[in-house]
Amino acid sequence: MSKGSRRLVMGVVLGVSVVIVVGVVAYLLLLPRQSDHIAVPAHNATPEQVVTAYLDALNAHDCDTAETVMASDAKDSARSWCRQVASLTDVDVRDHFTERPELSGRSAPEEVANVPVTFDVDWRLFHGDVSMPEGTTTWGYLLVRDSPDSPWRIFGQGTG
């Protein structure tokens, strides 16, 4: 192989390597593409409807809607989950039950609802949440509102 041919081969190999590295870095750093727009629930939506919209938004990578249904102090959580989730399937949102506000750090006259859910979660490659392995998950969302005329907003989540 001549010196010119070797340079050409090395140039092609280097070019292909750069394209691969740039692609991997872009995948890891860039947000997933939004696949659908999920409507923000109506002002008078039930806790179950708010949680359903949130989970649909995560699944569609509609981070704006996911953040909108969160309480102001929980919006960062929505953005993080929206970036990390690859898909949520087999979602089952169960009936909510009310909790005393002080049990979750809230105070009267706020109302608190707990919405239990199960779903199968798949994380994006090299992303995820240590609190939740891939697969079938039992989870729950805590929602709050100031009065019966206020919309429900998610402020907490977990298995508790």
N, C-alpha and C. Protein backbone atom coordinates (compact mmCIF):
# COMPACT_ATOMS: atom_id res chain seq x y z
N MET A 1 0.85 -1.16 0.00
CA MET A 1 0.00 0.00 0.00
C MET A 1 0.91 1.24 0.00
N SER A 2 0.59 2.15 -0.84
CA SER A 2 1.42 3.35 -0.95
C SER A 2 1.13 4.29 0.21
N LYS A 3 2.05 5.24 0.39
CA LYS A 3 1.93 6.21 1.46
C LYS A 3 0.64 7.04 1.31
N GLY A 4 0.29 7.40 0.10
CA GLY A 4 -0.94 8.16 -0.16
C GLY A 4 -2.18 7.36 0.17
N SER A 5 -2.17 6.07 -0.16
CA SER A 5 -3.31 5.20 0.14
C SER A 5 -3.51 5.04 1.64
N ARG A 6 -2.39 4.91 2.34
CA ARG A 6 -2.48 4.77 3.80
C ARG A 6 -3.06 6.04 4.43
N ARG A 7 -2.64 7.16 3.91
CA ARG A 7 -3.17 8.43 4.43
C ARG A 7 -4.67 8.53 4.16
N LEU A 8 -5.10 8.11 3.01
CA LEU A 8 -6.51 8.14 2.66
C LEU A 8 -7.31 7.24 3.61
N VAL A 9 -6.82 6.02 3.83
CA VAL A 9 -7.51 5.07 4.72
C VAL A 9 -7.56 5.64 6.14
N MET A 10 -6.44 6.19 6.60
CA MET A 10 -6.40 6.76 7.95
C MET A 10 -7.37 7.95 8.06
N GLY A 11 -7.46 8.74 7.01
CA GLY A 11 -8.38 9.87 7.00
C GLY A 11 -9.83 9.41 7.08
N VAL A 12 -10.16 8.36 6.34
CA VAL A 12 -11.52 7.83 6.36
C VAL A 12 -11.84 7.25 7.74
N VAL A 13 -10.91 6.48 8.31
CA VAL A 13 -11.10 5.89 9.63
C VAL A 13 -11.27 6.99 10.68
N LEU A 14 -10.45 8.02 10.61
CA LEU A 14 -10.55 9.12 11.55
C LEU A 14 -11.89 9.85 11.38
N GLY A 15 -12.31 10.09 10.17
CA GLY A 15 -13.59 10.76 9.90
C GLY A 15 -14.77 9.97 10.44
N VAL A 16 -14.78 8.67 10.20
CA VAL A 16 -15.85 7.81 10.70
C VAL A 16 -15.85 7.80 12.23
N SER A 17 -14.68 7.74 12.83
CA SER A 17 -14.57 7.76 14.30
C SER A 17 -15.13 9.05 14.88
N VAL A 18 -14.82 10.16 14.26
CA VAL A 18 -15.34 11.45 14.74
C VAL A 18 -16.85 11.48 14.64
N VAL A 19 -17.42 11.00 13.55
CA VAL A 19 -18.87 10.98 13.39
C VAL A 19 -19.52 10.12 14.47
N ILE A 20 -18.93 8.99 14.78
CA ILE A 20 -19.48 8.10 15.82
C ILE A 20 -19.42 8.78 17.18
N VAL A 21 -18.29 9.37 17.51
CA VAL A 21 -18.13 10.04 18.81
C VAL A 21 -19.12 11.20 18.93
N VAL A 22 -19.25 12.01 17.89
CA VAL A 22 -20.18 13.13 17.92
C VAL A 22 -21.61 12.62 18.09
N GLY A 23 -21.96 11.54 17.42
CA GLY A 23 -23.31 10.97 17.55
C GLY A 23 -23.59 10.49 18.96
N VAL A 24 -22.64 9.81 19.57
CA VAL A 24 -22.82 9.31 20.94
C VAL A 24 -22.95 10.49 21.92
N VAL A 25 -22.09 11.49 21.79
CA VAL A 25 -22.15 12.65 22.67
C VAL A 25 -23.48 13.39 22.50
N ALA A 26 -23.93 13.54 21.26
CA ALA A 26 -25.21 14.22 21.01
C ALA A 26 -26.35 13.44 21.66
N TYR A 27 -26.34 12.11 21.55
CA TYR A 27 -27.40 11.29 22.15
C TYR A 27 -27.41 11.47 23.67
N LEU A 28 -26.24 11.51 24.27
CA LEU A 28 -26.17 11.61 25.72
C LEU A 28 -26.51 13.00 26.24
N LEU A 29 -26.22 14.03 25.49
CA LEU A 29 -26.40 15.39 25.97
C LEU A 29 -27.70 16.06 25.53
N LEU A 30 -28.19 15.71 24.37
CA LEU A 30 -29.38 16.36 23.84
C LEU A 30 -30.65 15.71 24.38
N LEU A 31 -31.70 16.51 24.50
CA LEU A 31 -32.99 15.99 24.94
C LEU A 31 -33.56 15.05 23.90
N PRO A 32 -34.33 14.05 24.32
CA PRO A 32 -35.03 13.22 23.34
C PRO A 32 -36.06 14.06 22.59
N ARG A 33 -36.35 13.67 21.39
CA ARG A 33 -37.32 14.40 20.58
C ARG A 33 -38.73 14.20 21.13
N GLN A 34 -39.47 15.28 21.18
CA GLN A 34 -40.87 15.20 21.60
C GLN A 34 -41.66 14.50 20.51
N SER A 35 -42.40 13.45 20.89
CA SER A 35 -43.14 12.66 19.90
C SER A 35 -44.61 13.06 19.81
N ASP A 36 -45.11 13.81 20.80
CA ASP A 36 -46.51 14.19 20.80
C ASP A 36 -46.69 15.37 21.75
N HIS A 37 -47.76 16.15 21.54
CA HIS A 37 -48.11 17.21 22.47
C HIS A 37 -49.24 16.69 23.35
N ILE A 38 -49.03 16.74 24.65
CA ILE A 38 -50.05 16.28 25.60
C ILE A 38 -50.74 17.51 26.19
N ALA A 39 -52.05 17.51 26.14
CA ALA A 39 -52.81 18.65 26.65
C ALA A 39 -52.68 18.74 28.17
N VAL A 40 -52.57 19.97 28.66
CA VAL A 40 -52.59 20.21 30.09
C VAL A 40 -54.01 19.94 30.57
N PRO A 41 -54.17 19.20 31.66
CA PRO A 41 -55.53 18.90 32.13
C PRO A 41 -56.29 20.18 32.48
N ALA A 42 -57.60 20.09 32.39
CA ALA A 42 -58.47 21.20 32.74
C ALA A 42 -58.24 21.62 34.19
N HIS A 43 -58.58 22.83 34.49
CA HIS A 43 -58.41 23.39 35.83
C HIS A 43 -59.09 22.54 36.91
N ASN A 44 -60.20 21.90 36.54
CA ASN A 44 -60.96 21.09 37.50
C ASN A 44 -60.68 19.59 37.37
N ALA A 45 -59.55 19.23 36.75
CA ALA A 45 -59.21 17.81 36.55
C ALA A 45 -58.99 17.10 37.89
N THR A 46 -59.30 15.83 37.90
CA THR A 46 -59.11 15.01 39.09
C THR A 46 -57.61 14.71 39.27
N PRO A 47 -57.20 14.28 40.46
CA PRO A 47 -55.80 13.88 40.64
C PRO A 47 -55.38 12.79 39.65
N GLU A 48 -56.27 11.85 39.37
CA GLU A 48 -55.95 10.78 38.42
C GLU A 48 -55.69 11.35 37.02
N GLN A 49 -56.48 12.33 36.61
CA GLN A 49 -56.30 12.94 35.28
C GLN A 49 -54.98 13.70 35.21
N VAL A 50 -54.60 14.36 36.29
CA VAL A 50 -53.33 15.09 36.31
C VAL A 50 -52.16 14.12 36.22
N VAL A 51 -52.20 13.04 36.98
CA VAL A 51 -51.12 12.05 36.94
C VAL A 51 -51.06 11.38 35.57
N THR A 52 -52.20 11.07 34.99
CA THR A 52 -52.23 10.47 33.66
C THR A 52 -51.59 11.40 32.64
N ALA A 53 -51.92 12.68 32.70
CA ALA A 53 -51.32 13.65 31.78
C ALA A 53 -49.81 13.73 31.99
N TYR A 54 -49.37 13.71 33.23
CA TYR A 54 -47.93 13.74 33.53
C TYR A 54 -47.21 12.53 32.93
N LEU A 55 -47.75 11.34 33.17
CA LEU A 55 -47.11 10.13 32.65
C LEU A 55 -47.14 10.11 31.12
N ASP A 56 -48.24 10.55 30.52
CA ASP A 56 -48.30 10.65 29.06
C ASP A 56 -47.26 11.64 28.54
N ALA A 57 -47.10 12.74 29.25
CA ALA A 57 -46.11 13.75 28.85
C ALA A 57 -44.70 13.20 28.94
N LEU A 58 -44.39 12.46 30.01
CA LEU A 58 -43.06 11.84 30.10
C LEU A 58 -42.83 10.89 28.95
N ASN A 59 -43.84 10.08 28.65
CA ASN A 59 -43.71 9.09 27.58
C ASN A 59 -43.53 9.75 26.22
N ALA A 60 -44.14 10.92 26.03
CA ALA A 60 -44.04 11.64 24.75
C ALA A 60 -42.89 12.66 24.76
N HIS A 61 -42.17 12.74 25.87
CA HIS A 61 -41.08 13.72 26.04
C HIS A 61 -41.59 15.15 25.84
N ASP A 62 -42.82 15.38 26.29
CA ASP A 62 -43.40 16.72 26.29
C ASP A 62 -43.07 17.35 27.65
N CYS A 63 -41.86 17.85 27.76
CA CYS A 63 -41.37 18.36 29.04
C CYS A 63 -42.14 19.58 29.51
N ASP A 64 -42.65 20.39 28.60
CA ASP A 64 -43.42 21.57 29.00
C ASP A 64 -44.69 21.17 29.75
N THR A 65 -45.43 20.20 29.21
CA THR A 65 -46.64 19.75 29.91
C THR A 65 -46.28 19.06 31.21
N ALA A 66 -45.23 18.25 31.20
CA ALA A 66 -44.81 17.57 32.44
C ALA A 66 -44.51 18.59 33.53
N GLU A 67 -43.83 19.67 33.18
CA GLU A 67 -43.52 20.71 34.17
C GLU A 67 -44.77 21.47 34.61
N THR A 68 -45.70 21.69 33.70
CA THR A 68 -46.89 22.47 34.01
C THR A 68 -47.74 21.81 35.08
N VAL A 69 -47.81 20.50 35.13
CA VAL A 69 -48.65 19.82 36.12
C VAL A 69 -47.93 19.59 37.45
N MET A 70 -46.72 20.12 37.56
CA MET A 70 -45.97 20.00 38.80
C MET A 70 -46.13 21.26 39.63
N ALA A 71 -46.05 21.12 40.95
CA ALA A 71 -45.98 22.27 41.84
C ALA A 71 -44.68 23.01 41.55
N SER A 72 -44.64 24.29 41.86
CA SER A 72 -43.48 25.11 41.49
C SER A 72 -42.17 24.58 42.06
N ASP A 73 -42.19 23.97 43.24
CA ASP A 73 -40.95 23.46 43.83
C ASP A 73 -40.59 22.06 43.34
N ALA A 74 -41.33 21.51 42.38
CA ALA A 74 -41.05 20.15 41.88
C ALA A 74 -40.80 20.12 40.38
N LYS A 75 -40.72 21.27 39.72
CA LYS A 75 -40.57 21.31 38.26
C LYS A 75 -39.24 20.71 37.79
N ASP A 76 -38.17 20.85 38.58
CA ASP A 76 -36.88 20.26 38.20
C ASP A 76 -36.98 18.74 38.09
N SER A 77 -37.77 18.15 38.95
CA SER A 77 -37.97 16.70 38.91
C SER A 77 -38.60 16.28 37.59
N ALA A 78 -39.59 17.04 37.14
CA ALA A 78 -40.26 16.72 35.87
C ALA A 78 -39.28 16.80 34.71
N ARG A 79 -38.46 17.84 34.68
CA ARG A 79 -37.48 18.02 33.59
C ARG A 79 -36.49 16.86 33.59
N SER A 80 -36.02 16.46 34.75
CA SER A 80 -35.07 15.36 34.85
C SER A 80 -35.67 14.04 34.34
N TRP A 81 -36.87 13.73 34.81
CA TRP A 81 -37.51 12.49 34.38
C TRP A 81 -37.80 12.51 32.88
N CYS A 82 -38.21 13.65 32.38
CA CYS A 82 -38.53 13.78 30.96
C CYS A 82 -37.30 13.49 30.10
N ARG A 83 -36.13 13.88 30.57
CA ARG A 83 -34.88 13.65 29.83
C ARG A 83 -34.41 12.21 29.92
N GLN A 84 -34.79 11.51 30.99
CA GLN A 84 -34.23 10.19 31.24
C GLN A 84 -35.10 9.02 30.77
N VAL A 85 -36.41 9.20 30.77
CA VAL A 85 -37.32 8.11 30.42
C VAL A 85 -37.28 7.85 28.91
N ALA A 86 -37.11 6.60 28.54
CA ALA A 86 -37.25 6.21 27.13
C ALA A 86 -38.72 5.93 26.84
N SER A 87 -39.37 5.15 27.72
CA SER A 87 -40.79 4.88 27.53
C SER A 87 -41.42 4.39 28.83
N LEU A 88 -42.72 4.64 28.93
CA LEU A 88 -43.55 4.10 30.00
C LEU A 88 -44.68 3.33 29.33
N THR A 89 -44.83 2.07 29.68
CA THR A 89 -45.87 1.24 29.10
C THR A 89 -46.66 0.56 30.21
N ASP A 90 -47.77 -0.04 29.84
CA ASP A 90 -48.63 -0.76 30.79
C ASP A 90 -48.94 0.10 32.02
N VAL A 91 -49.29 1.35 31.77
CA VAL A 91 -49.58 2.31 32.85
C VAL A 91 -50.96 2.01 33.42
N ASP A 92 -51.02 1.93 34.74
CA ASP A 92 -52.28 1.73 35.45
C ASP A 92 -52.37 2.76 36.57
N VAL A 93 -53.19 3.78 36.37
CA VAL A 93 -53.40 4.83 37.36
C VAL A 93 -54.61 4.43 38.19
N ARG A 94 -54.41 4.29 39.48
CA ARG A 94 -55.49 3.85 40.37
C ARG A 94 -56.18 5.05 41.02
N ASP A 95 -57.28 4.78 41.69
CA ASP A 95 -58.04 5.82 42.37
C ASP A 95 -57.21 6.47 43.48
N HIS A 96 -57.33 7.77 43.61
CA HIS A 96 -56.59 8.50 44.64
C HIS A 96 -57.25 8.31 46.00
N PHE A 97 -56.45 8.58 47.01
CA PHE A 97 -56.99 8.69 48.36
C PHE A 97 -56.39 9.94 48.99
N THR A 98 -57.14 10.54 49.89
CA THR A 98 -56.67 11.78 50.51
C THR A 98 -55.80 11.46 51.72
N GLU A 99 -54.91 12.42 52.02
CA GLU A 99 -54.02 12.31 53.17
C GLU A 99 -54.11 13.61 53.97
N ARG A 100 -53.80 13.51 55.23
CA ARG A 100 -53.70 14.72 56.03
C ARG A 100 -52.49 15.51 55.54
N PRO A 101 -52.62 16.79 55.28
CA PRO A 101 -51.53 17.58 54.70
C PRO A 101 -50.23 17.53 55.51
N GLU A 102 -50.32 17.52 56.82
CA GLU A 102 -49.11 17.54 57.65
C GLU A 102 -48.27 16.26 57.51
N LEU A 103 -48.87 15.16 57.06
CA LEU A 103 -48.12 13.92 56.87
C LEU A 103 -47.09 14.03 55.75
N SER A 104 -47.27 14.99 54.87
CA SER A 104 -46.34 15.16 53.76
C SER A 104 -45.72 16.56 53.74
N GLY A 105 -45.70 17.20 54.92
CA GLY A 105 -45.04 18.49 55.03
C GLY A 105 -45.86 19.67 54.52
N ARG A 106 -47.12 19.48 54.30
CA ARG A 106 -48.00 20.56 53.85
C ARG A 106 -48.80 21.05 55.07
N SER A 107 -49.59 22.07 54.87
CA SER A 107 -50.38 22.57 56.00
C SER A 107 -51.78 22.93 55.52
N ALA A 108 -52.71 22.88 56.46
CA ALA A 108 -54.09 23.26 56.14
C ALA A 108 -54.09 24.73 55.75
N PRO A 109 -54.92 25.14 54.83
CA PRO A 109 -56.07 24.45 54.25
C PRO A 109 -55.75 23.63 53.00
N GLU A 110 -54.46 23.40 52.71
CA GLU A 110 -54.12 22.62 51.52
C GLU A 110 -54.74 21.22 51.61
N GLU A 111 -55.08 20.69 50.44
CA GLU A 111 -55.57 19.32 50.34
C GLU A 111 -54.47 18.49 49.67
N VAL A 112 -54.31 17.26 50.12
CA VAL A 112 -53.30 16.37 49.56
C VAL A 112 -53.97 15.08 49.11
N ALA A 113 -53.61 14.65 47.90
CA ALA A 113 -54.12 13.39 47.35
C ALA A 113 -52.92 12.52 46.97
N ASN A 114 -53.07 11.22 47.17
CA ASN A 114 -52.05 10.24 46.81
C ASN A 114 -52.63 9.38 45.69
N VAL A 115 -51.93 9.31 44.57
CA VAL A 115 -52.39 8.52 43.43
C VAL A 115 -51.41 7.38 43.19
N PRO A 116 -51.79 6.14 43.51
CA PRO A 116 -50.92 5.00 43.24
C PRO A 116 -50.95 4.61 41.76
N VAL A 117 -49.81 4.21 41.24
CA VAL A 117 -49.71 3.79 39.84
C VAL A 117 -48.77 2.59 39.73
N THR A 118 -48.92 1.88 38.64
CA THR A 118 -47.92 0.89 38.22
C THR A 118 -47.64 1.16 36.75
N PHE A 119 -46.42 0.87 36.34
CA PHE A 119 -46.04 1.01 34.94
C PHE A 119 -44.75 0.25 34.70
N ASP A 120 -44.46 0.01 33.44
CA ASP A 120 -43.16 -0.54 33.03
C ASP A 120 -42.34 0.62 32.51
N VAL A 121 -41.17 0.81 33.09
CA VAL A 121 -40.31 1.92 32.68
C VAL A 121 -39.08 1.38 31.95
N ASP A 122 -38.73 2.05 30.88
CA ASP A 122 -37.47 1.82 30.18
C ASP A 122 -36.72 3.14 30.19
N TRP A 123 -35.46 3.10 30.61
CA TRP A 123 -34.64 4.31 30.66
C TRP A 123 -33.85 4.46 29.38
N ARG A 124 -33.53 5.70 29.03
CA ARG A 124 -32.62 5.95 27.91
C ARG A 124 -31.25 5.38 28.28
N LEU A 125 -30.50 4.99 27.26
CA LEU A 125 -29.17 4.43 27.46
C LEU A 125 -28.31 5.41 28.26
N PHE A 126 -27.66 4.92 29.30
CA PHE A 126 -26.81 5.70 30.19
C PHE A 126 -27.58 6.75 31.00
N HIS A 127 -28.87 6.59 31.12
CA HIS A 127 -29.71 7.47 31.93
C HIS A 127 -30.51 6.58 32.88
N GLY A 128 -31.18 7.18 33.79
CA GLY A 128 -32.03 6.40 34.70
C GLY A 128 -32.08 7.04 36.06
N ASP A 129 -32.77 6.38 36.95
CA ASP A 129 -32.94 6.86 38.30
C ASP A 129 -32.61 5.70 39.23
N VAL A 130 -31.69 5.93 40.16
CA VAL A 130 -31.26 4.85 41.05
C VAL A 130 -32.40 4.31 41.90
N SER A 131 -33.45 5.10 42.08
CA SER A 131 -34.57 4.66 42.92
C SER A 131 -35.49 3.69 42.18
N MET A 132 -35.26 3.51 40.87
CA MET A 132 -36.19 2.72 40.09
C MET A 132 -35.48 1.93 38.98
N PRO A 133 -35.38 0.62 39.13
CA PRO A 133 -34.81 -0.18 38.03
C PRO A 133 -35.81 -0.29 36.88
N GLU A 134 -35.31 -0.67 35.71
CA GLU A 134 -36.21 -0.86 34.58
C GLU A 134 -37.18 -1.99 34.87
N GLY A 135 -38.34 -1.93 34.23
CA GLY A 135 -39.34 -2.97 34.38
C GLY A 135 -40.57 -2.48 35.13
N THR A 136 -41.35 -3.45 35.60
CA THR A 136 -42.60 -3.13 36.29
C THR A 136 -42.30 -2.44 37.62
N THR A 137 -42.99 -1.34 37.84
CA THR A 137 -42.74 -0.51 39.01
C THR A 137 -44.07 -0.11 39.65
N THR A 138 -44.11 -0.19 40.97
CA THR A 138 -45.22 0.35 41.75
C THR A 138 -44.74 1.68 42.29
N TRP A 139 -45.49 2.72 42.05
CA TRP A 139 -45.06 4.07 42.35
C TRP A 139 -46.25 4.86 42.84
N GLY A 140 -46.06 6.07 43.23
CA GLY A 140 -47.17 6.90 43.66
C GLY A 140 -46.82 8.37 43.51
N TYR A 141 -47.84 9.19 43.36
CA TYR A 141 -47.67 10.63 43.21
C TYR A 141 -48.51 11.34 44.25
N LEU A 142 -47.90 12.34 44.88
CA LEU A 142 -48.60 13.19 45.83
C LEU A 142 -48.96 14.49 45.13
N LEU A 143 -50.23 14.88 45.26
CA LEU A 143 -50.72 16.11 44.65
C LEU A 143 -51.26 17.03 45.72
N VAL A 144 -51.21 18.31 45.44
CA VAL A 144 -51.68 19.31 46.40
C VAL A 144 -52.50 20.36 45.65
N ARG A 145 -53.43 20.95 46.39
CA ARG A 145 -54.13 22.14 45.91
C ARG A 145 -54.48 22.99 47.11
N ASP A 146 -54.58 24.31 46.87
CA ASP A 146 -54.84 25.27 47.94
C ASP A 146 -56.29 25.29 48.38
N SER A 147 -57.19 25.01 47.43
CA SER A 147 -58.62 25.07 47.70
C SER A 147 -59.34 24.22 46.66
N PRO A 148 -60.63 23.95 46.87
CA PRO A 148 -61.37 23.18 45.87
C PRO A 148 -61.43 23.85 44.49
N ASP A 149 -61.15 25.15 44.44
CA ASP A 149 -61.15 25.87 43.16
C ASP A 149 -59.78 25.88 42.48
N SER A 150 -58.75 25.38 43.14
CA SER A 150 -57.39 25.36 42.58
C SER A 150 -57.14 24.05 41.86
N PRO A 151 -56.25 24.06 40.87
CA PRO A 151 -55.92 22.80 40.19
C PRO A 151 -54.98 21.95 41.04
N TRP A 152 -55.08 20.65 40.89
CA TRP A 152 -54.17 19.73 41.55
C TRP A 152 -52.81 19.82 40.86
N ARG A 153 -51.73 19.79 41.63
CA ARG A 153 -50.37 19.80 41.11
C ARG A 153 -49.55 18.76 41.86
N ILE A 154 -48.69 18.07 41.13
CA ILE A 154 -47.83 17.03 41.72
C ILE A 154 -46.68 17.72 42.46
N PHE A 155 -46.46 17.30 43.70
CA PHE A 155 -45.34 17.86 44.46
C PHE A 155 -44.38 16.80 44.98
N GLY A 156 -44.77 15.53 44.89
CA GLY A 156 -43.91 14.47 45.39
C GLY A 156 -44.21 13.16 44.71
N GLN A 157 -43.23 12.25 44.79
CA GLN A 157 -43.41 10.94 44.19
C GLN A 157 -42.53 9.94 44.89
N GLY A 158 -42.86 8.68 44.73
CA GLY A 158 -42.06 7.62 45.34
C GLY A 158 -42.89 6.40 45.60
N THR A 159 -42.34 5.51 46.39
CA THR A 159 -43.02 4.25 46.67
C THR A 159 -43.72 4.28 48.01
N GLY A 160 -43.56 5.34 48.77
CA GLY A 160 -44.08 5.42 50.14
C GLY A 160 -45.54 5.61 50.25
